[in-house]
PDB file of N, CA and C in Angstrom:
ATOM      1  N   MET A   1       0.828  -1.194   0.000  1.00  0.00           N
ATOM      2  CA  MET A   1       0.000   0.000   0.000  1.00  0.00           C
ATOM      3  C   MET A   1       0.869   1.254   0.000  1.00  0.00           C
ATOM      4  N   ARG A   2       1.954   1.222   0.781  1.00  0.00           N
ATOM      5  CA  ARG A   2       2.853   2.385   0.822  1.00  0.00           C
ATOM      6  C   ARG A   2       3.488   2.636  -0.535  1.00  0.00           C
ATOM      7  N   LYS A   3       3.834   1.546  -1.204  1.00  0.00           N
ATOM      8  CA  LYS A   3       4.443   1.673  -2.528  1.00  0.00           C
ATOM      9  C   LYS A   3       3.464   2.330  -3.497  1.00  0.00           C
ATOM     10  N   LEU A   4       2.210   1.942  -3.453  1.00  0.00           N
ATOM     11  CA  LEU A   4       1.182   2.526  -4.311  1.00  0.00           C
ATOM     12  C   LEU A   4       1.024   4.016  -4.025  1.00  0.00           C
ATOM     13  N   ILE A   5       1.002   4.365  -2.756  1.00  0.00           N
ATOM     14  CA  ILE A   5       0.873   5.783  -2.372  1.00  0.00           C
ATOM     15  C   ILE A   5       2.087   6.566  -2.851  1.00  0.00           C
ATOM     16  N   SER A   6       3.268   5.977  -2.744  1.00  0.00           N
ATOM     17  CA  SER A   6       4.487   6.643  -3.209  1.00  0.00           C
ATOM     18  C   SER A   6       4.445   6.883  -4.711  1.00  0.00           C
ATOM     19  N   VAL A   7       4.045   5.858  -5.443  1.00  0.00           N
ATOM     20  CA  VAL A   7       3.967   5.978  -6.904  1.00  0.00           C
ATOM     21  C   VAL A   7       2.945   7.033  -7.293  1.00  0.00           C
ATOM     22  N   LEU A   8       1.800   7.010  -6.661  1.00  0.00           N
ATOM     23  CA  LEU A   8       0.763   8.003  -6.959  1.00  0.00           C
ATOM     24  C   LEU A   8       1.233   9.416  -6.605  1.00  0.00           C
ATOM     25  N   SER A   9       1.981   9.540  -5.529  1.00  0.00           N
ATOM     26  CA  SER A   9       2.515  10.853  -5.137  1.00  0.00           C
ATOM     27  C   SER A   9       3.484  11.389  -6.179  1.00  0.00           C
ATOM     28  N   VAL A  10       4.322  10.517  -6.712  1.00  0.00           N
ATOM     29  CA  VAL A  10       5.279  10.928  -7.750  1.00  0.00           C
ATOM     30  C   VAL A  10       4.532  11.394  -9.003  1.00  0.00           C
ATOM     31  N   PHE A  11       3.539  10.634  -9.431  1.00  0.00           N
ATOM     32  CA  PHE A  11       2.764  11.037 -10.606  1.00  0.00           C
ATOM     33  C   PHE A  11       2.050  12.364 -10.370  1.00  0.00           C
ATOM     34  N   LEU A  12       1.500  12.539  -9.199  1.00  0.00           N
ATOM     35  CA  LEU A  12       0.822  13.792  -8.869  1.00  0.00           C
ATOM     36  C   LEU A  12       1.805  14.953  -8.933  1.00  0.00           C
ATOM     37  N   LEU A  13       2.987  14.759  -8.401  1.00  0.00           N
ATOM     38  CA  LEU A  13       4.009  15.800  -8.436  1.00  0.00           C
ATOM     39  C   LEU A  13       4.404  16.134  -9.871  1.00  0.00           C
ATOM     40  N   ILE A  14       4.625  15.114 -10.680  1.00  0.00           N
ATOM     41  CA  ILE A  14       5.014  15.337 -12.078  1.00  0.00           C
ATOM     42  C   ILE A  14       3.938  16.106 -12.819  1.00  0.00           C
ATOM     43  N   PHE A  15       2.691  15.692 -12.668  1.00  0.00           N
ATOM     44  CA  PHE A  15       1.623  16.345 -13.415  1.00  0.00           C
ATOM     45  C   PHE A  15       1.249  17.705 -12.854  1.00  0.00           C
ATOM     46  N   SER A  16       1.568  17.974 -11.607  1.00  0.00           N
ATOM     47  CA  SER A  16       1.315  19.311 -11.069  1.00  0.00           C
ATOM     48  C   SER A  16       2.383  20.293 -11.512  1.00  0.00           C
ATOM     49  N   VAL A  17       3.587  19.797 -11.804  1.00  0.00           N
ATOM     50  CA  VAL A  17       4.678  20.648 -12.269  1.00  0.00           C
ATOM     51  C   VAL A  17       4.622  20.830 -13.783  1.00  0.00           C
ATOM     52  N   ALA A  18       4.037  19.891 -14.500  1.00  0.00           N
ATOM     53  CA  ALA A  18       4.002  19.927 -15.965  1.00  0.00           C
ATOM     54  C   ALA A  18       3.495  21.250 -16.539  1.00  0.00           C
ATOM     55  N   PRO A  19       2.439  21.880 -15.975  1.00  0.00           N
ATOM     56  CA  PRO A  19       1.996  23.145 -16.548  1.00  0.00           C
ATOM     57  C   PRO A  19       3.048  24.249 -16.493  1.00  0.00           C
ATOM     58  N   LEU A  20       4.022  24.138 -15.582  1.00  0.00           N
ATOM     59  CA  LEU A  20       5.081  25.135 -15.518  1.00  0.00           C
ATOM     60  C   LEU A  20       5.916  25.152 -16.785  1.00  0.00           C
ATOM     61  N   PHE A  21       5.997  23.996 -17.460  1.00  0.00           N
ATOM     62  CA  PHE A  21       6.817  23.875 -18.660  1.00  0.00           C
ATOM     63  C   PHE A  21       5.994  23.934 -19.935  1.00  0.00           C
ATOM     64  N   ALA A  22       4.708  24.082 -19.814  1.00  0.00           N
ATOM     65  CA  ALA A  22       3.820  23.936 -20.959  1.00  0.00           C
ATOM     66  C   ALA A  22       4.069  24.963 -22.056  1.00  0.00           C
ATOM     67  N   ASP A  23       4.650  26.107 -21.708  1.00  0.00           N
ATOM     68  CA  ASP A  23       4.814  27.148 -22.710  1.00  0.00           C
ATOM     69  C   ASP A  23       6.241  27.278 -23.243  1.00  0.00           C
ATOM     70  N   GLU A  24       7.045  26.232 -23.113  1.00  0.00           N
ATOM     71  CA  GLU A  24       8.381  26.290 -23.670  1.00  0.00           C
ATOM     72  C   GLU A  24       8.249  26.355 -25.186  1.00  0.00           C
ATOM     73  N   ALA A  25       9.075  27.184 -25.782  1.00  0.00           N
ATOM     74  CA  ALA A  25       8.960  27.459 -27.213  1.00  0.00           C
ATOM     75  C   ALA A  25       9.651  26.393 -28.054  1.00  0.00           C
ATOM     76  N   VAL A  26       9.069  26.142 -29.214  1.00  0.00           N
ATOM     77  CA  VAL A  26       9.728  25.278 -30.185  1.00  0.00           C
ATOM     78  C   VAL A  26      10.942  26.021 -30.721  1.00  0.00           C
ATOM     79  N   LEU A  27      11.884  25.268 -31.284  1.00  0.00           N
ATOM     80  CA  LEU A  27      13.167  25.849 -31.668  1.00  0.00           C
ATOM     81  C   LEU A  27      13.429  25.762 -33.156  1.00  0.00           C
ATOM     82  N   LYS A  28      13.979  26.835 -33.689  1.00  0.00           N
ATOM     83  CA  LYS A  28      14.490  26.822 -35.060  1.00  0.00           C
ATOM     84  C   LYS A  28      15.873  26.213 -35.028  1.00  0.00           C
ATOM     85  N   PHE A  29      16.309  25.695 -36.155  1.00  0.00           N
ATOM     86  CA  PHE A  29      17.710  25.299 -36.225  1.00  0.00           C
ATOM     87  C   PHE A  29      18.347  25.982 -37.414  1.00  0.00           C
ATOM     88  N   SER A  30      19.574  26.383 -37.212  1.00  0.00           N
ATOM     89  CA  SER A  30      20.259  27.119 -38.266  1.00  0.00           C
ATOM     90  C   SER A  30      20.821  26.147 -39.290  1.00  0.00           C
ATOM     91  N   MET A  31      20.850  26.608 -40.493  1.00  0.00           N
ATOM     92  CA  MET A  31      21.440  25.815 -41.562  1.00  0.00           C
ATOM     93  C   MET A  31      22.963  25.864 -41.382  1.00  0.00           C
ATOM     94  N   HIS A  32      23.590  24.724 -41.392  1.00  0.00           N
ATOM     95  CA  HIS A  32      25.037  24.646 -41.324  1.00  0.00           C
ATOM     96  C   HIS A  32      25.497  23.672 -42.386  1.00  0.00           C
ATOM     97  N   GLU A  33      26.764  23.623 -42.619  1.00  0.00           N
ATOM     98  CA  GLU A  33      27.294  22.751 -43.656  1.00  0.00           C
ATOM     99  C   GLU A  33      26.827  21.318 -43.430  1.00  0.00           C
ATOM    100  N   GLY A  34      26.256  20.736 -44.447  1.00  0.00           N
ATOM    101  CA  GLY A  34      25.783  19.365 -44.370  1.00  0.00           C
ATOM    102  C   GLY A  34      24.344  19.209 -43.901  1.00  0.00           C
ATOM    103  N   SER A  35      23.701  20.292 -43.461  1.00  0.00           N
ATOM    104  CA  SER A  35      22.322  20.144 -43.002  1.00  0.00           C
ATOM    105  C   SER A  35      21.373  20.120 -44.196  1.00  0.00           C
ATOM    106  N   SER A  36      20.217  19.564 -43.978  1.00  0.00           N
ATOM    107  CA  SER A  36      19.247  19.355 -45.047  1.00  0.00           C
ATOM    108  C   SER A  36      18.264  20.523 -45.138  1.00  0.00           C
ATOM    109  N   ALA A  37      18.155  21.093 -46.331  1.00  0.00           N
ATOM    110  CA  ALA A  37      17.193  22.173 -46.549  1.00  0.00           C
ATOM    111  C   ALA A  37      15.768  21.664 -46.368  1.00  0.00           C
ATOM    112  N   SER A  38      15.523  20.417 -46.739  1.00  0.00           N
ATOM    113  CA  SER A  38      14.189  19.844 -46.596  1.00  0.00           C
ATOM    114  C   SER A  38      13.823  19.664 -45.120  1.00  0.00           C
ATOM    115  N   ALA A  39      14.770  19.185 -44.309  1.00  0.00           N
ATOM    116  CA  ALA A  39      14.519  19.041 -42.872  1.00  0.00           C
ATOM    117  C   ALA A  39      14.250  20.416 -42.261  1.00  0.00           C
ATOM    118  N   HIS A  40      15.017  21.399 -42.676  1.00  0.00           N
ATOM    119  CA  HIS A  40      14.839  22.771 -42.178  1.00  0.00           C
ATOM    120  C   HIS A  40      13.443  23.282 -42.533  1.00  0.00           C
ATOM    121  N   LYS A  41      13.008  23.042 -43.761  1.00  0.00           N
ATOM    122  CA  LYS A  41      11.689  23.492 -44.214  1.00  0.00           C
ATOM    123  C   LYS A  41      10.580  22.841 -43.384  1.00  0.00           C
ATOM    124  N   HIS A  42      10.695  21.544 -43.139  1.00  0.00           N
ATOM    125  CA  HIS A  42       9.669  20.860 -42.341  1.00  0.00           C
ATOM    126  C   HIS A  42       9.680  21.357 -40.899  1.00  0.00           C
ATOM    127  N   ASN A  43      10.859  21.637 -40.352  1.00  0.00           N
ATOM    128  CA  ASN A  43      10.927  22.173 -39.001  1.00  0.00           C
ATOM    129  C   ASN A  43      10.220  23.530 -38.931  1.00  0.00           C
ATOM    130  N   GLU A  44      10.463  24.385 -39.912  1.00  0.00           N
ATOM    131  CA  GLU A  44       9.819  25.705 -39.953  1.00  0.00           C
ATOM    132  C   GLU A  44       8.298  25.575 -40.077  1.00  0.00           C
ATOM    133  N   GLU A  45       7.855  24.657 -40.918  1.00  0.00           N
ATOM    134  CA  GLU A  45       6.416  24.425 -41.089  1.00  0.00           C
ATOM    135  C   GLU A  45       5.807  23.904 -39.781  1.00  0.00           C
ATOM    136  N   GLY A  46       6.532  23.020 -39.117  1.00  0.00           N
ATOM    137  CA  GLY A  46       6.071  22.507 -37.829  1.00  0.00           C
ATOM    138  C   GLY A  46       5.948  23.610 -36.788  1.00  0.00           C
ATOM    139  N   ILE A  47       6.909  24.528 -36.776  1.00  0.00           N
ATOM    140  CA  ILE A  47       6.867  25.655 -35.837  1.00  0.00           C
ATOM    141  C   ILE A  47       5.617  26.489 -36.066  1.00  0.00           C
ATOM    142  N   SER A  48       5.312  26.749 -37.325  1.00  0.00           N
ATOM    143  CA  SER A  48       4.123  27.534 -37.656  1.00  0.00           C
ATOM    144  C   SER A  48       2.853  26.874 -37.115  1.00  0.00           C
ATOM    145  N   HIS A  49       2.721  25.583 -37.340  1.00  0.00           N
ATOM    146  CA  HIS A  49       1.534  24.864 -36.863  1.00  0.00           C
ATOM    147  C   HIS A  49       1.508  24.766 -35.338  1.00  0.00           C
ATOM    148  N   TYR A  50       2.652  24.538 -34.728  1.00  0.00           N
ATOM    149  CA  TYR A  50       2.723  24.458 -33.268  1.00  0.00           C
ATOM    150  C   TYR A  50       2.239  25.761 -32.641  1.00  0.00           C
ATOM    151  N   ASN A  51       2.706  26.872 -33.189  1.00  0.00           N
ATOM    152  CA  ASN A  51       2.332  28.179 -32.650  1.00  0.00           C
ATOM    153  C   ASN A  51       0.845  28.483 -32.819  1.00  0.00           C
ATOM    154  N   GLN A  52       0.198  27.785 -33.745  1.00  0.00           N
ATOM    155  CA  GLN A  52      -1.250  27.928 -33.935  1.00  0.00           C
ATOM    156  C   GLN A  52      -2.035  26.915 -33.102  1.00  0.00           C
ATOM    157  N   GLY A  53      -1.315  26.065 -32.373  1.00  0.00           N
ATOM    158  CA  GLY A  53      -1.980  25.049 -31.561  1.00  0.00           C
ATOM    159  C   GLY A  53      -2.349  23.794 -32.311  1.00  0.00           C
ATOM    160  N   HIS A  54      -1.844  23.633 -33.522  1.00  0.00           N
ATOM    161  CA  HIS A  54      -2.115  22.436 -34.334  1.00  0.00           C
ATOM    162  C   HIS A  54      -1.020  21.407 -34.053  1.00  0.00           C
ATOM    163  N   TYR A  55      -1.019  20.844 -32.854  1.00  0.00           N
ATOM    164  CA  TYR A  55       0.083  19.993 -32.413  1.00  0.00           C
ATOM    165  C   TYR A  55       0.208  18.713 -33.229  1.00  0.00           C
ATOM    166  N   ASP A  56      -0.922  18.157 -33.661  1.00  0.00           N
ATOM    167  CA  ASP A  56      -0.866  16.928 -34.450  1.00  0.00           C
ATOM    168  C   ASP A  56      -0.234  17.178 -35.819  1.00  0.00           C
ATOM    169  N   VAL A  57      -0.546  18.293 -36.442  1.00  0.00           N
ATOM    170  CA  VAL A  57       0.036  18.633 -37.745  1.00  0.00           C
ATOM    171  C   VAL A  57       1.509  19.001 -37.572  1.00  0.00           C
ATOM    172  N   ALA A  58       1.797  19.774 -36.542  1.00  0.00           N
ATOM    173  CA  ALA A  58       3.185  20.152 -36.261  1.00  0.00           C
ATOM    174  C   ALA A  58       4.032  18.907 -36.030  1.00  0.00           C
ATOM    175  N   LEU A  59       3.483  17.951 -35.283  1.00  0.00           N
ATOM    176  CA  LEU A  59       4.211  16.720 -34.990  1.00  0.00           C
ATOM    177  C   LEU A  59       4.628  16.016 -36.275  1.00  0.00           C
ATOM    178  N   LYS A  60       3.739  15.944 -37.242  1.00  0.00           N
ATOM    179  CA  LYS A  60       4.065  15.273 -38.507  1.00  0.00           C
ATOM    180  C   LYS A  60       5.248  15.949 -39.194  1.00  0.00           C
ATOM    181  N   HIS A  61       5.273  17.274 -39.184  1.00  0.00           N
ATOM    182  CA  HIS A  61       6.398  17.988 -39.806  1.00  0.00           C
ATOM    183  C   HIS A  61       7.700  17.750 -39.040  1.00  0.00           C
ATOM    184  N   PHE A  62       7.635  17.780 -37.720  1.00  0.00           N
ATOM    185  CA  PHE A  62       8.846  17.536 -36.926  1.00  0.00           C
ATOM    186  C   PHE A  62       9.333  16.103 -37.102  1.00  0.00           C
ATOM    187  N   GLN A  63       8.400  15.157 -37.245  1.00  0.00           N
ATOM    188  CA  GLN A  63       8.791  13.765 -37.477  1.00  0.00           C
ATOM    189  C   GLN A  63       9.504  13.611 -38.816  1.00  0.00           C
ATOM    190  N   VAL A  64       9.011  14.301 -39.826  1.00  0.00           N
ATOM    191  CA  VAL A  64       9.677  14.243 -41.133  1.00  0.00           C
ATOM    192  C   VAL A  64      11.067  14.867 -41.027  1.00  0.00           C
ATOM    193  N   ALA A  65      11.151  16.013 -40.364  1.00  0.00           N
ATOM    194  CA  ALA A  65      12.453  16.676 -40.198  1.00  0.00           C
ATOM    195  C   ALA A  65      13.428  15.755 -39.475  1.00  0.00           C
ATOM    196  N   SER A  66      12.973  15.090 -38.417  1.00  0.00           N
ATOM    197  CA  SER A  66      13.834  14.178 -37.659  1.00  0.00           C
ATOM    198  C   SER A  66      14.241  12.963 -38.484  1.00  0.00           C
ATOM    199  N   SER A  67      13.350  12.501 -39.334  1.00  0.00           N
ATOM    200  CA  SER A  67      13.691  11.329 -40.143  1.00  0.00           C
ATOM    201  C   SER A  67      14.661  11.694 -41.265  1.00  0.00           C
ATOM    202  N   ILE A  68      14.544  12.906 -41.797  1.00  0.00           N
ATOM    203  CA  ILE A  68      15.469  13.343 -42.843  1.00  0.00           C
ATOM    204  C   ILE A  68      16.870  13.527 -42.269  1.00  0.00           C
ATOM    205  N   ASP A  69      16.954  14.190 -41.114  1.00  0.00           N
ATOM    206  CA  ASP A  69      18.242  14.415 -40.463  1.00  0.00           C
ATOM    207  C   ASP A  69      18.097  14.132 -38.972  1.00  0.00           C
ATOM    208  N   PRO A  70      18.329  12.884 -38.569  1.00  0.00           N
ATOM    209  CA  PRO A  70      18.131  12.509 -37.172  1.00  0.00           C
ATOM    210  C   PRO A  70      19.162  13.087 -36.205  1.00  0.00           C
ATOM    211  N   THR A  71      20.144  13.825 -36.708  1.00  0.00           N
ATOM    212  CA  THR A  71      21.184  14.383 -35.839  1.00  0.00           C
ATOM    213  C   THR A  71      20.934  15.840 -35.471  1.00  0.00           C
ATOM    214  N   VAL A  72      19.736  16.348 -35.736  1.00  0.00           N
ATOM    215  CA  VAL A  72      19.398  17.730 -35.379  1.00  0.00           C
ATOM    216  C   VAL A  72      18.592  17.706 -34.082  1.00  0.00           C
ATOM    217  N   GLY A  73      19.201  18.182 -33.014  1.00  0.00           N
ATOM    218  CA  GLY A  73      18.563  18.166 -31.702  1.00  0.00           C
ATOM    219  C   GLY A  73      17.293  18.975 -31.645  1.00  0.00           C
ATOM    220  N   GLU A  74      17.242  20.088 -32.361  1.00  0.00           N
ATOM    221  CA  GLU A  74      16.066  20.951 -32.326  1.00  0.00           C
ATOM    222  C   GLU A  74      14.821  20.241 -32.863  1.00  0.00           C
ATOM    223  N   SER A  75      14.973  19.437 -33.884  1.00  0.00           N
ATOM    224  CA  SER A  75      13.821  18.701 -34.424  1.00  0.00           C
ATOM    225  C   SER A  75      13.294  17.698 -33.401  1.00  0.00           C
ATOM    226  N   HIS A  76      14.210  16.996 -32.743  1.00  0.00           N
ATOM    227  CA  HIS A  76      13.789  16.048 -31.711  1.00  0.00           C
ATOM    228  C   HIS A  76      13.126  16.780 -30.543  1.00  0.00           C
ATOM    229  N   TYR A  77      13.692  17.910 -30.166  1.00  0.00           N
ATOM    230  CA  TYR A  77      13.130  18.707 -29.073  1.00  0.00           C
ATOM    231  C   TYR A  77      11.709  19.149 -29.430  1.00  0.00           C
ATOM    232  N   ASN A  78      11.528  19.660 -30.636  1.00  0.00           N
ATOM    233  CA  ASN A  78      10.211  20.114 -31.075  1.00  0.00           C
ATOM    234  C   ASN A  78       9.220  18.956 -31.140  1.00  0.00           C
ATOM    235  N   GLU A  79       9.701  17.821 -31.631  1.00  0.00           N
ATOM    236  CA  GLU A  79       8.850  16.630 -31.690  1.00  0.00           C
ATOM    237  C   GLU A  79       8.429  16.234 -30.273  1.00  0.00           C
ATOM    238  N   ALA A  80       9.357  16.295 -29.334  1.00  0.00           N
ATOM    239  CA  ALA A  80       9.055  15.951 -27.942  1.00  0.00           C
ATOM    240  C   ALA A  80       8.027  16.911 -27.343  1.00  0.00           C
ATOM    241  N   LEU A  81       8.148  18.205 -27.641  1.00  0.00           N
ATOM    242  CA  LEU A  81       7.168  19.171 -27.137  1.00  0.00           C
ATOM    243  C   LEU A  81       5.766  18.846 -27.640  1.00  0.00           C
ATOM    244  N   CYS A  82       5.652  18.509 -28.921  1.00  0.00           N
ATOM    245  CA  CYS A  82       4.345  18.142 -29.479  1.00  0.00           C
ATOM    246  C   CYS A  82       3.808  16.884 -28.816  1.00  0.00           C
ATOM    247  N   LEU A  83       4.655  15.886 -28.683  1.00  0.00           N
ATOM    248  CA  LEU A  83       4.221  14.644 -28.056  1.00  0.00           C
ATOM    249  C   LEU A  83       3.753  14.890 -26.628  1.00  0.00           C
ATOM    250  N   ASP A  84       4.445  15.769 -25.927  1.00  0.00           N
ATOM    251  CA  ASP A  84       4.031  16.128 -24.572  1.00  0.00           C
ATOM    252  C   ASP A  84       2.658  16.793 -24.592  1.00  0.00           C
ATOM    253  N   LYS A  85       2.460  17.726 -25.498  1.00  0.00           N
ATOM    254  CA  LYS A  85       1.165  18.417 -25.606  1.00  0.00           C
ATOM    255  C   LYS A  85       0.042  17.440 -25.922  1.00  0.00           C
ATOM    256  N   LEU A  86       0.367  16.381 -26.668  1.00  0.00           N
ATOM    257  CA  LEU A  86      -0.631  15.393 -27.057  1.00  0.00           C
ATOM    258  C   LEU A  86      -0.788  14.286 -26.005  1.00  0.00           C
ATOM    259  N   GLY A  87      -0.077  14.415 -24.877  1.00  0.00           N
ATOM    260  CA  GLY A  87      -0.201  13.452 -23.795  1.00  0.00           C
ATOM    261  C   GLY A  87       0.574  12.165 -23.999  1.00  0.00           C
ATOM    262  N   ARG A  88       1.468  12.130 -24.970  1.00  0.00           N
ATOM    263  CA  ARG A  88       2.262  10.937 -25.263  1.00  0.00           C
ATOM    264  C   ARG A  88       3.631  11.081 -24.581  1.00  0.00           C
ATOM    265  N   HIS A  89       3.624  11.028 -23.263  1.00  0.00           N
ATOM    266  CA  HIS A  89       4.805  11.376 -22.479  1.00  0.00           C
ATOM    267  C   HIS A  89       5.958  10.392 -22.633  1.00  0.00           C
ATOM    268  N   GLY A  90       5.680   9.125 -22.795  1.00  0.00           N
ATOM    269  CA  GLY A  90       6.751   8.144 -22.998  1.00  0.00           C
ATOM    270  C   GLY A  90       7.507   8.412 -24.293  1.00  0.00           C
ATOM    271  N   ASP A  91       6.767   8.672 -25.362  1.00  0.00           N
ATOM    272  CA  ASP A  91       7.398   8.999 -26.642  1.00  0.00           C
ATOM    273  C   ASP A  91       8.154  10.319 -26.543  1.00  0.00           C
ATOM    274  N   ALA A  92       7.567  11.281 -25.830  1.00  0.00           N
ATOM    275  CA  ALA A  92       8.225  12.576 -25.645  1.00  0.00           C
ATOM    276  C   ALA A  92       9.561  12.390 -24.950  1.00  0.00           C
ATOM    277  N   THR A  93       9.590  11.565 -23.924  1.00  0.00           N
ATOM    278  CA  THR A  93      10.828  11.330 -23.181  1.00  0.00           C
ATOM    279  C   THR A  93      11.930  10.822 -24.092  1.00  0.00           C
ATOM    280  N   ASN A  94      11.609   9.874 -24.970  1.00  0.00           N
ATOM    281  CA  ASN A  94      12.622   9.348 -25.895  1.00  0.00           C
ATOM    282  C   ASN A  94      13.191  10.451 -26.782  1.00  0.00           C
ATOM    283  N   HIS A  95      12.352  11.353 -27.243  1.00  0.00           N
ATOM    284  CA  HIS A  95      12.843  12.435 -28.107  1.00  0.00           C
ATOM    285  C   HIS A  95      13.573  13.514 -27.309  1.00  0.00           C
ATOM    286  N   PHE A  96      13.213  13.709 -26.051  1.00  0.00           N
ATOM    287  CA  PHE A  96      13.995  14.632 -25.224  1.00  0.00           C
ATOM    288  C   PHE A  96      15.417  14.098 -25.036  1.00  0.00           C
ATOM    289  N   TYR A  97      15.558  12.785 -24.841  1.00  0.00           N
ATOM    290  CA  TYR A  97      16.900  12.202 -24.739  1.00  0.00           C
ATOM    291  C   TYR A  97      17.669  12.400 -26.051  1.00  0.00           C
ATOM    292  N   ALA A  98      17.009  12.188 -27.182  1.00  0.00           N
ATOM    293  CA  ALA A  98      17.672  12.397 -28.476  1.00  0.00           C
ATOM    294  C   ALA A  98      18.034  13.869 -28.664  1.00  0.00           C
ATOM    295  N   ALA A  99      17.156  14.756 -28.231  1.00  0.00           N
ATOM    296  CA  ALA A  99      17.443  16.192 -28.349  1.00  0.00           C
ATOM    297  C   ALA A  99      18.702  16.542 -27.571  1.00  0.00           C
ATOM    298  N   ARG A 100      18.820  16.013 -26.355  1.00  0.00           N
ATOM    299  CA  ARG A 100      20.025  16.281 -25.557  1.00  0.00           C
ATOM    300  C   ARG A 100      21.262  15.711 -26.254  1.00  0.00           C
ATOM    301  N   LYS A 101      21.129  14.504 -26.776  1.00  0.00           N
ATOM    302  CA  LYS A 101      22.271  13.843 -27.429  1.00  0.00           C
ATOM    303  C   LYS A 101      22.788  14.668 -28.610  1.00  0.00           C
ATOM    304  N   TYR A 102      21.880  15.279 -29.365  1.00  0.00           N
ATOM    305  CA  TYR A 102      22.263  16.020 -30.571  1.00  0.00           C
ATOM    306  C   TYR A 102      22.157  17.538 -30.396  1.00  0.00           C
ATOM    307  N   ALA A 103      22.197  18.012 -29.166  1.00  0.00           N
ATOM    308  CA  ALA A 103      22.003  19.442 -28.881  1.00  0.00           C
ATOM    309  C   ALA A 103      23.122  20.327 -29.421  1.00  0.00           C
ATOM    310  N   ARG A 104      24.305  19.777 -29.596  1.00  0.00           N
ATOM    311  CA  ARG A 104      25.462  20.559 -30.072  1.00  0.00           C
ATOM    312  C   ARG A 104      25.664  21.825 -29.242  1.00  0.00           C
ATOM    313  N   GLY A 105      25.465  21.697 -27.940  1.00  0.00           N
ATOM    314  CA  GLY A 105      25.705  22.822 -27.040  1.00  0.00           C
ATOM    315  C   GLY A 105      24.595  23.850 -26.967  1.00  0.00           C
ATOM    316  N   ASN A 106      23.471  23.624 -27.623  1.00  0.00           N
ATOM    317  CA  ASN A 106      22.366  24.588 -27.619  1.00  0.00           C
ATOM    318  C   ASN A 106      21.790  24.712 -26.201  1.00  0.00           C
ATOM    319  N   PRO A 107      21.966  25.888 -25.569  1.00  0.00           N
ATOM    320  CA  PRO A 107      21.489  26.046 -24.187  1.00  0.00           C
ATOM    321  C   PRO A 107      19.965  25.977 -24.067  1.00  0.00           C
ATOM    322  N   ALA A 108      19.241  26.316 -25.116  1.00  0.00           N
ATOM    323  CA  ALA A 108      17.773  26.226 -25.068  1.00  0.00           C
ATOM    324  C   ALA A 108      17.334  24.780 -24.870  1.00  0.00           C
ATOM    325  N   ILE A 109      18.098  23.846 -25.379  1.00  0.00           N
ATOM    326  CA  ILE A 109      17.812  22.424 -25.176  1.00  0.00           C
ATOM    327  C   ILE A 109      18.400  21.966 -23.843  1.00  0.00           C
ATOM    328  N   LEU A 110      19.676  22.225 -23.650  1.00  0.00           N
ATOM    329  CA  LEU A 110      20.391  21.688 -22.499  1.00  0.00           C
ATOM    330  C   LEU A 110      19.910  22.232 -21.164  1.00  0.00           C
ATOM    331  N   GLN A 111      19.316  23.415 -21.155  1.00  0.00           N
ATOM    332  CA  GLN A 111      18.832  24.013 -19.923  1.00  0.00           C
ATOM    333  C   GLN A 111      17.306  24.005 -19.820  1.00  0.00           C
ATOM    334  N   SER A 112      16.659  23.249 -20.688  1.00  0.00           N
ATOM    335  CA  SER A 112      15.203  23.200 -20.719  1.00  0.00           C
ATOM    336  C   SER A 112      14.639  22.471 -19.503  1.00  0.00           C
ATOM    337  N   GLY A 113      13.716  23.123 -18.823  1.00  0.00           N
ATOM    338  CA  GLY A 113      13.067  22.514 -17.670  1.00  0.00           C
ATOM    339  C   GLY A 113      12.234  21.308 -18.038  1.00  0.00           C
ATOM    340  N   ILE A 114      11.503  21.388 -19.140  1.00  0.00           N
ATOM    341  CA  ILE A 114      10.653  20.256 -19.532  1.00  0.00           C
ATOM    342  C   ILE A 114      11.508  19.070 -19.948  1.00  0.00           C
ATOM    343  N   LEU A 115      12.643  19.323 -20.597  1.00  0.00           N
ATOM    344  CA  LEU A 115      13.549  18.232 -20.957  1.00  0.00           C
ATOM    345  C   LEU A 115      14.049  17.540 -19.694  1.00  0.00           C
ATOM    346  N   HIS A 116      14.493  18.312 -18.713  1.00  0.00           N
ATOM    347  CA  HIS A 116      15.015  17.710 -17.482  1.00  0.00           C
ATOM    348  C   HIS A 116      13.931  16.989 -16.698  1.00  0.00           C
ATOM    349  N   ALA A 117      12.693  17.453 -16.782  1.00  0.00           N
ATOM    350  CA  ALA A 117      11.593  16.774 -16.097  1.00  0.00           C
ATOM    351  C   ALA A 117      11.309  15.417 -16.736  1.00  0.00           C
ATOM    352  N   HIS A 118      11.397  15.357 -18.058  1.00  0.00           N
ATOM    353  CA  HIS A 118      11.130  14.111 -18.778  1.00  0.00           C
ATOM    354  C   HIS A 118      12.356  13.206 -18.840  1.00  0.00           C
ATOM    355  N   ALA A 119      13.523  13.797 -19.007  1.00  0.00           N
ATOM    356  CA  ALA A 119      14.725  13.028 -19.323  1.00  0.00           C
ATOM    357  C   ALA A 119      15.873  13.386 -18.384  1.00  0.00           C
ATOM    358  N   PRO A 120      15.818  12.897 -17.146  1.00  0.00           N
ATOM    359  CA  PRO A 120      16.918  13.188 -16.226  1.00  0.00           C
ATOM    360  C   PRO A 120      18.222  12.573 -16.721  1.00  0.00           C
ATOM    361  N   MET A 121      19.318  13.091 -16.246  1.00  0.00           N
ATOM    362  CA  MET A 121      20.641  12.679 -16.728  1.00  0.00           C
ATOM    363  C   MET A 121      21.027  11.256 -16.347  1.00  0.00           C
ATOM    364  N   LYS A 122      20.249  10.561 -15.574  1.00  0.00           N
ATOM    365  CA  LYS A 122      20.653   9.231 -15.100  1.00  0.00           C
ATOM    366  C   LYS A 122      20.630   8.153 -16.169  1.00  0.00           C
ATOM    367  N   ARG A 123      19.947   8.384 -17.304  1.00  0.00           N
ATOM    368  CA  ARG A 123      19.858   7.353 -18.329  1.00  0.00           C
ATOM    369  C   ARG A 123      21.169   7.263 -19.089  1.00  0.00           C
ATOM    370  N   GLU A 124      21.650   6.050 -19.311  1.00  0.00           N
ATOM    371  CA  GLU A 124      22.917   5.826 -20.004  1.00  0.00           C
ATOM    372  C   GLU A 124      22.844   6.410 -21.411  1.00  0.00           C
ATOM    373  N   GLY A 125      23.907   7.090 -21.802  1.00  0.00           N
ATOM    374  CA  GLY A 125      23.986   7.655 -23.149  1.00  0.00           C
ATOM    375  C   GLY A 125      23.353   9.014 -23.265  1.00  0.00           C
ATOM    376  N   SER A 126      22.839   9.565 -22.169  1.00  0.00           N
ATOM    377  CA  SER A 126      22.199  10.881 -22.267  1.00  0.00           C
ATOM    378  C   SER A 126      23.139  11.991 -21.858  1.00  0.00           C
TER     379      SER A 126
END
């Protein structure tokens, strides 16, 4: 019974803190040598839809951007934000870990509160 209460307390804490991170902004990524113009275009299109509250449409664009160039942390971060908005927290966590892995020093990713809430540093490879 104590274990159940502990687990429920943790979930309550997580979901009570979640609204604090709800307004984190999606991120643009700059074109650099070797980056894909198509991935960049889909990321920009996803940002437009995200800002309009069309999270399902934005997610599709971020997924395409991530599949075209899986080494762009901003696309994974944006995909994770959409997944979080859509209540798909497990999937969001996986993309937050990928965003950290490919952040290339981007402080908007590395210092993100929602990323740290979903993807603490304890996971191997993060």
